Amino acid sequence: MSQADPAQGLKLIERHGCAACHVIPNIPWPQGRTGGSLDGIGGRPMIAGRLPNQPDMMTRFVRDAPSLLPDTGMPAMPLTEAEARDVAAYLYSLDED
């Protein structure tokens, strides 16, 4: 993703406690299971099994998932647009290669 920093995205993921609900590579603890593993999310065709896995959609989803999927358990996150792009960039680095 252009104009996004995956390393900063990882820091934001750690700061906001995303691992409380998700298993996330490079974060050893906690390893939440409510939201499922994010390992390989960059290579999956869908986000949350229902949205196309595209950069703009991922950015919107990590920032405000309930606006896209009202029945999701994921809360809206206090991220700026730029921060959400950084988080998405980190998630896209988690391809299943």
N, C-alpha and C. Protein backbone atom coordinates (compact mmCIF):
# COMPACT_ATOMS: atom_id res chain seq x y z
N MET A 1 0.85 -1.18 0.00
CA MET A 1 0.00 0.00 0.00
C MET A 1 0.89 1.23 0.00
N SER A 2 0.62 2.13 -0.91
CA SER A 2 1.41 3.35 -0.97
C SER A 2 1.04 4.28 0.18
N GLN A 3 2.01 5.06 0.59
CA GLN A 3 1.84 6.03 1.67
C GLN A 3 1.34 5.39 2.98
N ALA A 4 1.79 4.18 3.23
CA ALA A 4 1.43 3.50 4.47
C ALA A 4 2.68 2.79 5.01
N ASP A 5 2.75 2.66 6.32
CA ASP A 5 3.93 2.11 6.98
C ASP A 5 3.54 0.87 7.78
N PRO A 6 3.86 -0.32 7.27
CA PRO A 6 3.51 -1.55 7.99
C PRO A 6 4.11 -1.61 9.40
N ALA A 7 5.33 -1.11 9.58
CA ALA A 7 5.94 -1.14 10.92
C ALA A 7 5.14 -0.29 11.90
N GLN A 8 4.69 0.85 11.44
CA GLN A 8 3.83 1.70 12.28
C GLN A 8 2.49 1.00 12.53
N GLY A 9 2.00 0.28 11.53
CA GLY A 9 0.75 -0.48 11.69
C GLY A 9 0.86 -1.50 12.79
N LEU A 10 1.99 -2.20 12.86
CA LEU A 10 2.20 -3.18 13.93
C LEU A 10 2.19 -2.48 15.29
N LYS A 11 2.85 -1.34 15.39
CA LYS A 11 2.86 -0.60 16.65
C LYS A 11 1.44 -0.19 17.05
N LEU A 12 0.65 0.23 16.09
CA LEU A 12 -0.74 0.62 16.38
C LEU A 12 -1.56 -0.59 16.83
N ILE A 13 -1.36 -1.71 16.18
CA ILE A 13 -2.06 -2.95 16.56
C ILE A 13 -1.72 -3.32 18.00
N GLU A 14 -0.45 -3.19 18.36
CA GLU A 14 -0.03 -3.48 19.73
C GLU A 14 -0.65 -2.47 20.70
N ARG A 15 -0.60 -1.19 20.36
CA ARG A 15 -1.11 -0.14 21.24
C ARG A 15 -2.61 -0.27 21.49
N HIS A 16 -3.35 -0.66 20.47
CA HIS A 16 -4.80 -0.72 20.60
C HIS A 16 -5.31 -2.08 21.08
N GLY A 17 -4.40 -3.01 21.33
CA GLY A 17 -4.79 -4.28 21.93
C GLY A 17 -5.53 -5.23 21.02
N CYS A 18 -5.26 -5.17 19.73
CA CYS A 18 -5.97 -6.03 18.78
C CYS A 18 -5.77 -7.52 19.07
N ALA A 19 -4.63 -7.85 19.69
CA ALA A 19 -4.35 -9.26 19.99
C ALA A 19 -5.21 -9.80 21.13
N ALA A 20 -5.97 -8.94 21.79
CA ALA A 20 -6.90 -9.44 22.80
C ALA A 20 -8.00 -10.27 22.14
N CYS A 21 -8.28 -9.98 20.87
CA CYS A 21 -9.31 -10.72 20.14
C CYS A 21 -8.77 -11.57 19.00
N HIS A 22 -7.58 -11.24 18.50
CA HIS A 22 -7.02 -11.92 17.32
C HIS A 22 -5.66 -12.53 17.63
N VAL A 23 -5.36 -13.64 16.98
CA VAL A 23 -3.99 -14.14 16.91
C VAL A 23 -3.33 -13.34 15.80
N ILE A 24 -2.20 -12.69 16.14
CA ILE A 24 -1.53 -11.81 15.17
C ILE A 24 -0.05 -12.17 15.13
N PRO A 25 0.47 -12.50 13.95
CA PRO A 25 1.90 -12.78 13.85
C PRO A 25 2.73 -11.62 14.40
N ASN A 26 3.81 -11.96 15.05
CA ASN A 26 4.76 -11.02 15.65
C ASN A 26 4.27 -10.42 16.96
N ILE A 27 3.13 -10.85 17.45
CA ILE A 27 2.65 -10.45 18.77
C ILE A 27 2.43 -11.75 19.55
N PRO A 28 3.36 -12.07 20.45
CA PRO A 28 3.31 -13.36 21.12
C PRO A 28 2.21 -13.49 22.17
N TRP A 29 1.75 -12.36 22.73
CA TRP A 29 0.74 -12.43 23.77
C TRP A 29 -0.01 -11.13 23.83
N PRO A 30 -1.28 -11.11 24.10
CA PRO A 30 -2.15 -12.29 24.20
C PRO A 30 -2.44 -12.83 22.81
N GLN A 31 -3.09 -13.94 22.76
CA GLN A 31 -3.49 -14.52 21.48
C GLN A 31 -4.97 -14.82 21.55
N GLY A 32 -5.76 -13.77 21.38
CA GLY A 32 -7.20 -13.90 21.45
C GLY A 32 -7.75 -14.78 20.35
N ARG A 33 -8.87 -15.36 20.61
CA ARG A 33 -9.49 -16.27 19.63
C ARG A 33 -10.88 -15.81 19.21
N THR A 34 -11.37 -14.73 19.80
CA THR A 34 -12.71 -14.25 19.46
C THR A 34 -12.80 -13.84 18.00
N GLY A 35 -11.82 -13.08 17.54
CA GLY A 35 -11.85 -12.58 16.17
C GLY A 35 -11.11 -13.45 15.18
N GLY A 36 -10.49 -14.50 15.63
CA GLY A 36 -9.78 -15.39 14.72
C GLY A 36 -8.37 -14.92 14.40
N SER A 37 -7.62 -15.79 13.80
CA SER A 37 -6.24 -15.50 13.44
C SER A 37 -6.16 -14.57 12.23
N LEU A 38 -5.21 -13.65 12.28
CA LEU A 38 -4.97 -12.76 11.14
C LEU A 38 -3.77 -13.23 10.32
N ASP A 39 -3.20 -14.36 10.68
CA ASP A 39 -2.11 -14.92 9.90
C ASP A 39 -2.59 -15.21 8.49
N GLY A 40 -1.91 -14.66 7.51
CA GLY A 40 -2.29 -14.89 6.11
C GLY A 40 -3.42 -14.02 5.59
N ILE A 41 -3.90 -13.06 6.38
CA ILE A 41 -5.03 -12.22 5.96
C ILE A 41 -4.75 -11.49 4.65
N GLY A 42 -3.49 -11.15 4.41
CA GLY A 42 -3.14 -10.44 3.18
C GLY A 42 -3.42 -11.23 1.92
N GLY A 43 -3.45 -12.54 2.01
CA GLY A 43 -3.68 -13.37 0.84
C GLY A 43 -5.09 -13.94 0.73
N ARG A 44 -5.94 -13.59 1.67
CA ARG A 44 -7.31 -14.13 1.63
C ARG A 44 -8.18 -13.30 0.68
N PRO A 45 -9.15 -13.93 0.04
CA PRO A 45 -10.00 -13.18 -0.89
C PRO A 45 -11.04 -12.29 -0.20
N MET A 46 -11.37 -12.60 1.05
CA MET A 46 -12.43 -11.87 1.73
C MET A 46 -11.98 -11.38 3.10
N ILE A 47 -12.57 -10.29 3.55
CA ILE A 47 -12.39 -9.76 4.90
C ILE A 47 -13.62 -10.19 5.69
N ALA A 48 -13.41 -10.80 6.83
CA ALA A 48 -14.50 -11.28 7.68
C ALA A 48 -15.45 -12.20 6.91
N GLY A 49 -14.95 -12.82 5.87
CA GLY A 49 -15.74 -13.76 5.09
C GLY A 49 -16.83 -13.13 4.24
N ARG A 50 -16.92 -11.78 4.22
CA ARG A 50 -18.04 -11.16 3.51
C ARG A 50 -17.69 -9.93 2.69
N LEU A 51 -16.51 -9.38 2.85
CA LEU A 51 -16.15 -8.16 2.13
C LEU A 51 -14.94 -8.43 1.25
N PRO A 52 -14.88 -7.85 0.06
CA PRO A 52 -13.71 -8.09 -0.80
C PRO A 52 -12.44 -7.56 -0.14
N ASN A 53 -11.41 -8.36 -0.19
CA ASN A 53 -10.14 -7.99 0.43
C ASN A 53 -9.37 -7.06 -0.50
N GLN A 54 -9.69 -5.79 -0.39
CA GLN A 54 -9.05 -4.74 -1.18
C GLN A 54 -8.57 -3.66 -0.21
N PRO A 55 -7.48 -2.95 -0.54
CA PRO A 55 -6.89 -1.99 0.39
C PRO A 55 -7.87 -0.96 0.96
N ASP A 56 -8.69 -0.35 0.12
CA ASP A 56 -9.63 0.65 0.64
C ASP A 56 -10.63 0.02 1.60
N MET A 57 -11.09 -1.17 1.27
CA MET A 57 -12.05 -1.85 2.13
C MET A 57 -11.40 -2.25 3.45
N MET A 58 -10.16 -2.76 3.40
CA MET A 58 -9.46 -3.15 4.63
C MET A 58 -9.26 -1.92 5.52
N THR A 59 -8.88 -0.81 4.93
CA THR A 59 -8.68 0.42 5.69
C THR A 59 -9.97 0.84 6.38
N ARG A 60 -11.07 0.82 5.65
CA ARG A 60 -12.36 1.17 6.24
C ARG A 60 -12.75 0.17 7.33
N PHE A 61 -12.50 -1.11 7.09
CA PHE A 61 -12.91 -2.14 8.04
C PHE A 61 -12.15 -2.02 9.36
N VAL A 62 -10.83 -1.83 9.31
CA VAL A 62 -10.09 -1.77 10.57
C VAL A 62 -10.43 -0.51 11.36
N ARG A 63 -10.91 0.50 10.68
CA ARG A 63 -11.27 1.75 11.36
C ARG A 63 -12.70 1.71 11.91
N ASP A 64 -13.64 1.18 11.12
CA ASP A 64 -15.04 1.20 11.54
C ASP A 64 -15.80 0.00 10.97
N ALA A 65 -15.46 -1.18 11.45
CA ALA A 65 -16.10 -2.41 10.97
C ALA A 65 -17.63 -2.39 11.08
N PRO A 66 -18.20 -1.87 12.18
CA PRO A 66 -19.67 -1.89 12.27
C PRO A 66 -20.39 -1.08 11.19
N SER A 67 -19.73 -0.09 10.60
CA SER A 67 -20.37 0.67 9.53
C SER A 67 -20.50 -0.18 8.27
N LEU A 68 -19.65 -1.19 8.13
CA LEU A 68 -19.69 -2.08 6.97
C LEU A 68 -20.47 -3.35 7.24
N LEU A 69 -20.34 -3.87 8.45
CA LEU A 69 -21.02 -5.10 8.86
C LEU A 69 -21.64 -4.85 10.23
N PRO A 70 -22.87 -4.36 10.27
CA PRO A 70 -23.48 -4.00 11.56
C PRO A 70 -23.54 -5.14 12.58
N ASP A 71 -23.52 -6.38 12.12
CA ASP A 71 -23.61 -7.50 13.05
C ASP A 71 -22.24 -8.04 13.48
N THR A 72 -21.17 -7.33 13.13
CA THR A 72 -19.83 -7.79 13.51
C THR A 72 -19.59 -7.60 15.00
N GLY A 73 -18.71 -8.41 15.55
CA GLY A 73 -18.31 -8.24 16.94
C GLY A 73 -17.14 -7.27 17.08
N MET A 74 -16.56 -6.88 15.96
CA MET A 74 -15.42 -5.97 16.02
C MET A 74 -15.91 -4.54 16.22
N PRO A 75 -15.34 -3.86 17.21
CA PRO A 75 -15.78 -2.48 17.45
C PRO A 75 -15.12 -1.50 16.49
N ALA A 76 -15.69 -0.31 16.40
CA ALA A 76 -15.01 0.78 15.71
C ALA A 76 -13.75 1.10 16.50
N MET A 77 -12.68 1.39 15.80
CA MET A 77 -11.40 1.64 16.45
C MET A 77 -11.04 3.12 16.37
N PRO A 78 -10.42 3.66 17.41
CA PRO A 78 -10.05 5.08 17.42
C PRO A 78 -8.78 5.32 16.60
N LEU A 79 -8.90 5.16 15.29
CA LEU A 79 -7.78 5.33 14.37
C LEU A 79 -8.09 6.45 13.38
N THR A 80 -7.08 7.21 13.05
CA THR A 80 -7.23 8.17 11.96
C THR A 80 -7.20 7.41 10.64
N GLU A 81 -7.52 8.07 9.57
CA GLU A 81 -7.45 7.45 8.25
C GLU A 81 -6.02 6.96 7.96
N ALA A 82 -5.03 7.80 8.26
CA ALA A 82 -3.63 7.42 8.02
C ALA A 82 -3.23 6.23 8.88
N GLU A 83 -3.64 6.22 10.14
CA GLU A 83 -3.33 5.09 11.01
C GLU A 83 -3.99 3.81 10.50
N ALA A 84 -5.22 3.91 10.04
CA ALA A 84 -5.91 2.74 9.50
C ALA A 84 -5.19 2.21 8.26
N ARG A 85 -4.65 3.09 7.43
CA ARG A 85 -3.86 2.63 6.28
C ARG A 85 -2.60 1.90 6.74
N ASP A 86 -1.96 2.40 7.80
CA ASP A 86 -0.78 1.73 8.34
C ASP A 86 -1.13 0.34 8.85
N VAL A 87 -2.23 0.22 9.57
CA VAL A 87 -2.67 -1.08 10.07
C VAL A 87 -2.96 -2.01 8.90
N ALA A 88 -3.67 -1.51 7.90
CA ALA A 88 -3.97 -2.33 6.72
C ALA A 88 -2.68 -2.76 6.03
N ALA A 89 -1.70 -1.87 5.93
CA ALA A 89 -0.42 -2.22 5.30
C ALA A 89 0.25 -3.36 6.06
N TYR A 90 0.20 -3.32 7.39
CA TYR A 90 0.76 -4.43 8.16
C TYR A 90 -0.02 -5.71 7.87
N LEU A 91 -1.32 -5.63 7.87
CA LEU A 91 -2.13 -6.83 7.61
C LEU A 91 -1.83 -7.41 6.23
N TYR A 92 -1.62 -6.55 5.25
CA TYR A 92 -1.28 -7.05 3.91
C TYR A 92 0.11 -7.66 3.85
N SER A 93 0.95 -7.35 4.82
CA SER A 93 2.27 -8.00 4.86
C SER A 93 2.15 -9.43 5.37
N LEU A 94 0.99 -9.81 5.85
CA LEU A 94 0.77 -11.15 6.40
C LEU A 94 0.18 -12.09 5.36
N ASP A 95 0.76 -12.08 4.18
CA ASP A 95 0.32 -12.97 3.11
C ASP A 95 0.72 -14.39 3.46
N GLU A 96 0.05 -15.36 2.91
CA GLU A 96 0.28 -16.78 3.23
C GLU A 96 1.49 -17.39 2.53
N ASP A 97 2.30 -16.60 1.87
CA ASP A 97 3.45 -17.14 1.13
C ASP A 97 4.22 -18.14 1.91
